[in-house]
């Protein structure tokens, strides 16, 4: 509701809003700091367990024993279950260098802790001079613990894979549900894997970033289509779920339109889908084919890319990219097609597993049949 003053005095109203905004920002900062401190503690406990395990050669009840004793000392704390202790230990083992940062190291340079930790890092092959330069030294403490657990479950000891998902989570502010989606669809293995000619057709400083925004295969498992779907059904379904499609395409994709009309000489052409990537600052023409790749598709897509460069691209935009997504492809044919094109093109496959039988729709009642059922509760049966 608010007071009379806030309704009548604009200066006062603006001040109240500014205070409210400042408070929310401080809440966020406080939450981030609490999360950071908690994960640093979990990392340090994992480090301690590593040392304890080496020193006392614990048996199979290692985590259970520590859990019972910590719960006795700290009965109100629920973080010390055997499973969570196992995750803390894994966290340290996955990122053994993460706990040393310049701001912490400066305070602890002469401490017993630092000397012991540097010794441990040397044992796992990490040089002392490399510690403060580690890319994991700060970022692994910035995401929620629940996210980190899911990432560790997926990474299974693969440090680079875990860091990939940590960084993607931070870049895109992924919720746990979104993270789980990309973990399930093996984003790490698919990212940047499309067949492209970017290294040959783009400047060196642009080609790596362009490659990074591709995937192979693209996962269209957010769609449900009949088994013998056609191309129009596929494109219609993608546009019906355009937010899911944008999420699968990746960070920075903005949807510009479908069946975008463009004139090439005296001929009207229609681009399947047009996107703009705000990270790479370029248009991206996406053509989706429900069947196998044909080399003629690359020629058509290259023509569309040139047309967009002439008619839509400005001096502030980077060269337009073309992306062709097919059900399947012959790698050799695709490579030949890419070599023959002077335009920056990428070719990928897509996967779609949620298919329904052809006769499924026919087995569903029609609207007329449902209305008839409602009008005749007895179902038309004779006495």
Protein backbone atom coordinates (compact mmCIF):
# COMPACT_ATOMS: atom_id res chain seq x y z
CA UNK A 1 0.00 0.00 0.00
CA UNK A 2 2.58 2.57 1.08
CA UNK A 3 2.32 5.88 2.89
CA UNK A 4 0.75 9.05 1.57
CA UNK A 5 4.21 10.59 1.26
CA UNK A 6 5.48 7.90 -1.12
CA UNK A 7 2.43 8.44 -3.31
CA UNK A 8 2.81 12.21 -3.52
CA UNK A 9 6.53 12.94 -3.27
CA UNK A 10 8.57 11.68 -6.23
CA UNK A 11 11.98 12.41 -4.63
CA UNK A 12 11.04 10.45 -1.52
CA UNK A 13 9.64 7.60 -3.64
CA UNK A 14 12.87 7.38 -5.67
CA UNK A 15 14.92 7.31 -2.45
CA UNK A 16 12.81 4.44 -1.00
CA UNK A 17 13.25 2.48 -4.23
CA UNK A 18 17.01 3.11 -4.22
CA UNK A 19 17.28 1.90 -0.60
CA UNK A 20 15.24 -1.21 -1.47
CA UNK A 21 17.45 -1.95 -4.47
CA UNK A 22 20.59 -1.45 -2.37
CA UNK A 23 19.23 -3.82 0.27
CA UNK A 24 18.51 -6.54 -2.32
CA UNK A 25 22.02 -6.19 -3.73
CA UNK A 26 23.47 -6.52 -0.24
CA UNK A 27 21.35 -9.64 0.33
CA UNK A 28 22.71 -11.18 -2.85
CA UNK A 29 26.28 -10.28 -1.89
CA UNK A 30 25.76 -11.72 1.57
CA UNK A 31 24.34 -14.96 0.14
CA UNK A 32 27.27 -15.24 -2.27
CA UNK A 33 29.73 -14.64 0.57
CA UNK A 34 28.04 -17.23 2.81
CA UNK A 35 28.11 -19.77 -0.03
CA UNK A 36 31.79 -18.97 -0.72
CA UNK A 37 32.74 -19.43 2.93
CA UNK A 38 30.76 -22.67 3.22
CA UNK A 39 32.40 -24.22 0.15
CA UNK A 40 35.84 -23.13 1.39
CA UNK A 41 35.11 -24.89 4.68
CA UNK A 42 33.95 -28.02 2.82
CA UNK A 43 37.15 -27.92 0.75
CA UNK A 44 39.28 -27.55 3.89
CA UNK A 45 37.46 -30.45 5.58
CA UNK A 46 38.07 -32.52 2.46
CA UNK A 47 41.76 -31.60 2.70
CA UNK A 48 41.81 -32.64 6.36
CA UNK A 49 40.14 -35.96 5.57
CA UNK A 50 42.75 -36.61 2.90
CA UNK A 51 45.48 -36.11 5.50
CA UNK A 52 43.63 -38.20 8.11
CA UNK A 53 43.12 -41.05 5.68
CA UNK A 54 46.81 -41.11 4.81
CA UNK A 55 47.93 -40.84 8.44
CA UNK A 56 45.71 -43.47 10.03
CA UNK A 57 44.86 -45.85 7.17
CA UNK A 58 41.15 -45.79 7.91
CA UNK A 59 38.98 -48.70 6.87
CA UNK A 60 35.61 -48.80 5.13
CA UNK A 61 33.86 -46.88 7.94
CA UNK A 62 35.98 -43.76 7.44
CA UNK A 63 33.15 -41.35 6.62
CA UNK A 64 30.66 -42.94 9.01
CA UNK A 65 33.07 -42.61 11.94
CA UNK A 66 33.84 -38.96 11.23
CA UNK A 67 30.13 -38.24 10.70
CA UNK A 68 29.18 -39.69 14.09
CA UNK A 69 31.92 -37.80 15.92
CA UNK A 70 31.22 -34.46 14.25
CA UNK A 71 27.49 -34.82 14.91
CA UNK A 72 28.25 -35.47 18.55
CA UNK A 73 30.30 -32.28 18.74
CA UNK A 74 27.88 -30.28 16.57
CA UNK A 75 24.41 -31.82 17.07
CA UNK A 76 22.57 -28.93 15.40
CA UNK A 77 24.55 -29.12 12.14
CA UNK A 78 23.09 -31.32 9.41
CA UNK A 79 25.93 -31.06 6.89
CA UNK A 80 28.02 -33.96 8.19
CA UNK A 81 26.26 -37.01 6.81
CA UNK A 82 28.63 -39.74 5.53
CA UNK A 83 27.56 -39.04 1.96
CA UNK A 84 28.15 -35.29 2.24
CA UNK A 85 31.56 -35.93 3.80
CA UNK A 86 32.38 -38.16 0.85
CA UNK A 87 31.47 -35.28 -1.50
CA UNK A 88 33.67 -32.86 0.48
CA UNK A 89 36.57 -35.26 0.14
CA UNK A 90 35.92 -35.60 -3.60
CA UNK A 91 35.70 -31.81 -3.88
CA UNK A 92 39.20 -31.41 -2.44
CA UNK A 93 40.63 -34.24 -4.55
CA UNK A 94 39.13 -32.77 -7.72
CA UNK A 95 40.44 -29.24 -7.01
CA UNK A 96 43.38 -29.68 -4.58
CA UNK A 97 44.83 -26.27 -5.52
CA UNK A 98 41.57 -24.31 -5.12
CA UNK A 99 42.02 -23.30 -1.50
CA UNK A 100 45.10 -21.17 -2.09
CA UNK A 101 44.49 -17.73 -3.55
CA UNK A 102 46.67 -14.61 -3.48
CA UNK A 103 44.42 -12.88 -0.93
CA UNK A 104 44.52 -15.89 1.39
CA UNK A 105 48.10 -16.91 0.69
CA UNK A 106 49.36 -13.44 1.63
CA UNK A 107 47.92 -13.91 5.10
CA UNK A 108 49.13 -17.48 5.56
CA UNK A 109 52.53 -17.52 3.86
CA UNK A 110 54.41 -18.52 6.99
CA UNK A 111 51.77 -20.70 8.56
CA UNK A 112 52.06 -24.41 9.16
CA UNK A 113 48.85 -24.80 7.14
CA UNK A 114 50.41 -23.28 4.01
CA UNK A 115 53.58 -25.34 4.27
CA UNK A 116 51.59 -28.53 4.69
CA UNK A 117 49.26 -27.69 1.81
CA UNK A 118 52.10 -26.79 -0.56
CA UNK A 119 53.69 -30.12 0.32
CA UNK A 120 50.41 -31.92 -0.47
CA UNK A 121 50.08 -30.06 -3.77
CA UNK A 122 53.60 -31.10 -4.72
CA UNK A 123 52.60 -34.70 -4.10
CA UNK A 124 49.80 -34.41 -6.69
CA UNK A 125 52.02 -32.71 -9.23
CA UNK A 126 51.13 -29.04 -8.75
CA UNK A 127 54.06 -26.66 -8.47
CA UNK A 128 53.99 -23.94 -5.80
CA UNK A 129 54.41 -21.14 -8.33
CA UNK A 130 51.38 -22.37 -10.29
CA UNK A 131 48.96 -22.31 -7.35
CA UNK A 132 47.93 -18.66 -7.45
CA UNK A 133 47.52 -18.81 -11.23
CA UNK A 134 45.14 -21.78 -11.19
CA UNK A 135 41.86 -21.07 -13.00
CA UNK A 136 40.03 -23.06 -10.33
CA UNK A 137 41.49 -21.06 -7.45
CA UNK A 138 38.37 -18.94 -7.00
CA UNK A 139 35.54 -19.98 -9.30
CA UNK A 140 34.76 -23.39 -7.80
CA UNK A 141 33.58 -21.66 -4.62
CA UNK A 142 31.07 -19.44 -6.43
CA UNK A 143 28.32 -21.92 -7.27
CA UNK A 144 25.90 -23.57 -4.83
CA UNK A 145 26.97 -26.82 -3.19
CA UNK A 146 24.00 -28.67 -4.67
CA UNK A 147 25.21 -27.68 -8.15
CA UNK A 148 28.74 -28.82 -7.32
CA UNK A 149 27.50 -32.23 -6.16
CA UNK A 150 25.70 -32.77 -9.47
CA UNK A 151 28.78 -31.67 -11.41
CA UNK A 152 31.05 -34.02 -9.45
CA UNK A 153 28.63 -36.90 -10.07
CA UNK A 154 28.84 -36.24 -13.80
CA UNK A 155 32.56 -35.44 -14.02
CA UNK A 156 33.68 -38.59 -12.17
CA UNK A 157 37.10 -37.18 -11.43
CA UNK A 158 37.56 -35.36 -14.75
CA UNK A 159 38.75 -31.94 -13.58
CA UNK A 160 38.43 -30.17 -16.95
CA UNK A 161 34.91 -31.48 -17.41
CA UNK A 162 33.92 -30.28 -13.94
CA UNK A 163 35.42 -26.82 -14.57
CA UNK A 164 33.54 -26.61 -17.87
CA UNK A 165 30.19 -27.01 -16.08
CA UNK A 166 31.23 -24.70 -13.23
CA UNK A 167 32.04 -21.93 -15.72
CA UNK A 168 28.89 -22.49 -17.77
CA UNK A 169 26.81 -22.31 -14.59
CA UNK A 170 28.38 -18.97 -13.65
CA UNK A 171 28.22 -17.52 -17.18
CA UNK A 172 24.54 -18.33 -17.60
CA UNK A 173 23.23 -18.28 -14.00
CA UNK A 174 21.90 -21.80 -14.44
CA UNK A 175 19.42 -23.09 -11.91
CA UNK A 176 19.97 -26.65 -10.75
CA UNK A 177 17.22 -27.87 -13.09
CA UNK A 178 18.89 -26.25 -16.11
CA UNK A 179 22.29 -27.59 -15.08
CA UNK A 180 20.84 -31.10 -14.77
CA UNK A 181 19.39 -30.79 -18.26
CA UNK A 182 22.79 -30.00 -19.77
CA UNK A 183 24.50 -32.66 -17.67
CA UNK A 184 22.00 -35.22 -18.96
CA UNK A 185 22.57 -34.20 -22.57
CA UNK A 186 26.40 -34.37 -22.28
CA UNK A 187 27.01 -30.75 -23.21
CA UNK A 188 30.74 -31.04 -22.47
CA UNK A 189 31.17 -33.71 -25.13
CA UNK A 190 29.04 -31.81 -27.69
CA UNK A 191 30.24 -28.22 -27.27
CA UNK A 192 32.19 -26.85 -30.24
CA UNK A 193 32.09 -30.16 -32.10
CA UNK A 194 30.28 -29.21 -35.34
CA UNK A 195 32.05 -29.71 -38.66
CA UNK A 196 32.95 -26.20 -39.84
CA UNK A 197 35.22 -24.27 -42.18
CA UNK A 198 35.55 -21.36 -39.72
CA UNK A 199 39.34 -21.66 -39.40
CA UNK A 200 39.64 -21.05 -43.16
CA UNK A 201 36.87 -18.51 -43.74
CA UNK A 202 37.10 -16.30 -40.63
CA UNK A 203 39.91 -14.23 -39.10
CA UNK A 204 41.87 -16.16 -36.47
CA UNK A 205 40.53 -14.02 -33.60
CA UNK A 206 36.94 -14.87 -34.61
CA UNK A 207 37.12 -18.51 -35.69
CA UNK A 208 37.69 -20.06 -32.24
CA UNK A 209 34.75 -18.21 -30.69
CA UNK A 210 32.54 -19.11 -33.64
CA UNK A 211 33.50 -22.77 -33.27
CA UNK A 212 32.75 -22.64 -29.56
CA UNK A 213 29.10 -21.68 -30.10
CA UNK A 214 28.43 -24.84 -32.16
CA UNK A 215 27.43 -28.29 -30.93
CA UNK A 216 27.27 -31.78 -32.38
CA UNK A 217 24.85 -33.31 -32.02
CA UNK A 218 22.13 -30.86 -30.98
CA UNK A 219 19.66 -32.40 -28.56
CA UNK A 220 16.01 -31.90 -29.49
CA UNK A 221 14.74 -34.16 -26.73
CA UNK A 222 12.49 -31.36 -25.49
CA UNK A 223 10.28 -32.17 -28.52
CA UNK A 224 7.74 -34.96 -28.90
CA UNK A 225 6.94 -35.87 -32.51
CA UNK A 226 5.33 -38.76 -34.35
CA UNK A 227 7.73 -41.38 -35.63
CA UNK A 228 7.48 -40.38 -39.30
CA UNK A 229 7.51 -36.61 -38.79
CA UNK A 230 8.24 -34.33 -41.73
CA UNK A 231 10.37 -31.20 -41.95
CA UNK A 232 7.50 -28.78 -41.39
CA UNK A 233 6.43 -30.60 -38.22
CA UNK A 234 9.99 -30.45 -36.92
CA UNK A 235 10.31 -26.70 -37.56
CA UNK A 236 6.83 -26.00 -36.16
CA UNK A 237 7.72 -27.93 -33.01
CA UNK A 238 11.00 -26.03 -32.61
CA UNK A 239 9.21 -22.71 -32.88
CA UNK A 240 6.53 -23.85 -30.42
CA UNK A 241 9.36 -24.52 -27.97
CA UNK A 242 11.61 -21.67 -29.08
CA UNK A 243 12.84 -20.95 -25.54
CA UNK A 244 14.06 -24.54 -25.23
CA UNK A 245 15.61 -24.27 -28.67
CA UNK A 246 17.44 -21.07 -27.70
CA UNK A 247 18.72 -22.74 -24.56
CA UNK A 248 20.05 -25.65 -26.60
CA UNK A 249 21.68 -23.33 -29.14
CA UNK A 250 23.60 -21.73 -26.28
CA UNK A 251 24.52 -18.44 -24.67
CA UNK A 252 23.85 -15.20 -26.53
CA UNK A 253 21.40 -16.44 -29.18
CA UNK A 254 18.50 -14.08 -29.88
CA UNK A 255 15.64 -15.23 -32.10
CA UNK A 256 15.03 -12.92 -35.06
CA UNK A 257 12.36 -14.83 -36.96
CA UNK A 258 11.27 -17.84 -38.97
CA UNK A 259 10.73 -17.97 -42.74
CA UNK A 260 12.49 -14.62 -42.97
CA UNK A 261 11.89 -13.19 -46.44
CA UNK A 262 14.93 -12.01 -48.36
CA UNK A 263 15.25 -10.97 -52.00
CA UNK A 264 18.06 -12.41 -54.10
CA UNK A 265 17.92 -10.72 -57.49
CA UNK A 266 14.37 -11.14 -58.74
CA UNK A 267 13.74 -14.15 -56.52
CA UNK A 268 12.18 -14.30 -53.07
CA UNK A 269 13.87 -16.67 -50.65
CA UNK A 270 12.89 -17.61 -47.11
CA UNK A 271 15.43 -18.38 -44.41
CA UNK A 272 14.36 -21.23 -42.13
CA UNK A 273 15.39 -19.37 -38.99
CA UNK A 274 17.44 -16.26 -38.33
CA UNK A 275 19.27 -15.59 -35.05
CA UNK A 276 21.65 -12.96 -33.76
CA UNK A 277 24.45 -13.90 -31.38
CA UNK A 278 25.12 -11.12 -28.91
CA UNK A 279 28.47 -12.55 -27.82
CA UNK A 280 29.92 -12.89 -31.29
CA UNK A 281 27.97 -9.91 -32.66
CA UNK A 282 26.79 -11.60 -35.83
CA UNK A 283 23.73 -12.95 -37.60
CA UNK A 284 23.38 -16.74 -37.79
CA UNK A 285 21.24 -18.38 -40.47
CA UNK A 286 20.00 -21.78 -39.24
CA UNK A 287 18.60 -24.33 -41.69
CA UNK A 288 17.04 -27.50 -40.24
CA UNK A 289 16.63 -30.62 -42.38
CA UNK A 290 14.64 -33.65 -41.23
CA UNK A 291 16.65 -36.02 -43.42
CA UNK A 292 20.24 -36.77 -44.35
CA UNK A 293 22.69 -34.05 -45.33
CA UNK A 294 23.02 -33.32 -49.06
CA UNK A 295 25.89 -31.26 -50.46
CA UNK A 296 23.42 -28.99 -52.26
CA UNK A 297 22.25 -27.72 -48.84
CA UNK A 298 25.65 -26.11 -48.23
CA UNK A 299 25.44 -24.15 -51.48
CA UNK A 300 21.97 -22.91 -50.63
CA UNK A 301 23.00 -21.93 -47.10
CA UNK A 302 26.10 -20.14 -48.39
CA UNK A 303 23.89 -18.06 -50.69
CA UNK A 304 21.66 -17.09 -47.76
CA UNK A 305 24.72 -16.08 -45.70
CA UNK A 306 25.93 -13.79 -48.49
CA UNK A 307 22.47 -12.26 -48.83
CA UNK A 308 22.26 -11.51 -45.09
CA UNK A 309 25.73 -9.92 -45.22
CA UNK A 310 24.60 -7.63 -48.04
CA UNK A 311 21.14 -6.78 -46.75
CA UNK A 312 21.11 -7.00 -42.95
CA UNK A 313 24.67 -6.90 -41.63
CA UNK A 314 26.03 -3.50 -40.60
CA UNK A 315 29.61 -2.31 -40.22
CA UNK A 316 29.35 -3.07 -36.51
CA UNK A 317 28.52 -6.74 -37.08
CA UNK A 318 30.93 -9.62 -37.64
CA UNK A 319 30.48 -11.83 -40.73
CA UNK A 320 27.28 -13.88 -40.79
CA UNK A 321 27.51 -17.60 -40.00
CA UNK A 322 25.48 -20.40 -41.53
CA UNK A 323 24.51 -23.46 -39.47
CA UNK A 324 22.94 -26.53 -41.05
CA UNK A 325 21.38 -29.07 -38.67
CA UNK A 326 20.44 -32.45 -40.23
CA UNK A 327 19.12 -35.76 -38.93
CA UNK A 328 22.32 -37.46 -40.05
CA UNK A 329 25.23 -36.91 -42.40
CA UNK A 330 28.14 -38.48 -44.21
CA UNK A 331 31.23 -36.85 -42.68
CA UNK A 332 33.29 -37.01 -45.87
CA UNK A 333 30.54 -35.45 -48.00
CA UNK A 334 30.04 -32.73 -45.39
CA UNK A 335 33.77 -31.96 -45.29
CA UNK A 336 33.92 -31.70 -49.09
CA UNK A 337 30.91 -29.36 -49.09
CA UNK A 338 32.57 -27.15 -46.48
CA UNK A 339 35.82 -27.01 -48.45
CA UNK A 340 33.93 -25.92 -51.54
CA UNK A 341 32.30 -22.96 -49.78
CA UNK A 342 33.91 -19.56 -49.24
CA UNK A 343 31.33 -18.68 -46.56
CA UNK A 344 31.67 -19.62 -42.86
CA UNK A 345 29.41 -22.64 -42.46
CA UNK A 346 28.89 -25.31 -39.81
CA UNK A 347 27.17 -28.68 -40.21
CA UNK A 348 25.77 -30.65 -37.27
CA UNK A 349 23.39 -33.47 -36.52
CA UNK A 350 20.46 -33.48 -34.14
CA UNK A 351 19.11 -36.17 -31.84
CA UNK A 352 15.43 -36.69 -31.10
CA UNK A 353 14.41 -39.65 -28.97
CA UNK A 354 10.87 -38.81 -27.88
CA UNK A 355 8.89 -40.22 -30.80
CA UNK A 356 5.33 -41.54 -30.68
CA UNK A 357 3.97 -44.32 -32.93
CA UNK A 358 2.30 -43.37 -36.20
CA UNK A 359 -1.05 -44.81 -35.14
CA UNK A 360 -0.97 -43.10 -31.75
CA UNK A 361 -2.85 -40.01 -32.94
CA UNK A 362 -5.42 -42.17 -34.66
CA UNK A 363 -6.14 -43.98 -31.41
CA UNK A 364 -6.92 -40.73 -29.59
CA UNK A 365 -10.59 -39.68 -29.48
CA UNK A 366 -11.58 -36.74 -31.66
CA UNK A 367 -13.23 -33.61 -30.23
CA UNK A 368 -16.55 -34.78 -31.69
CA UNK A 369 -16.19 -38.16 -29.96
CA UNK A 370 -15.41 -36.52 -26.62
CA UNK A 371 -18.44 -34.20 -26.98
CA UNK A 372 -20.63 -37.18 -27.81
CA UNK A 373 -19.39 -38.98 -24.69
CA UNK A 374 -20.21 -35.93 -22.54
CA UNK A 375 -23.69 -35.67 -24.07
CA UNK A 376 -24.40 -39.37 -23.54
CA UNK A 377 -22.99 -40.57 -20.20
CA UNK A 378 -24.21 -44.11 -20.90
CA UNK A 379 -21.99 -44.25 -23.96
CA UNK A 380 -24.90 -44.98 -26.31
CA UNK A 381 -25.37 -48.48 -24.90
CA UNK A 382 -28.77 -50.03 -25.18
CA UNK A 383 -30.68 -51.18 -22.09
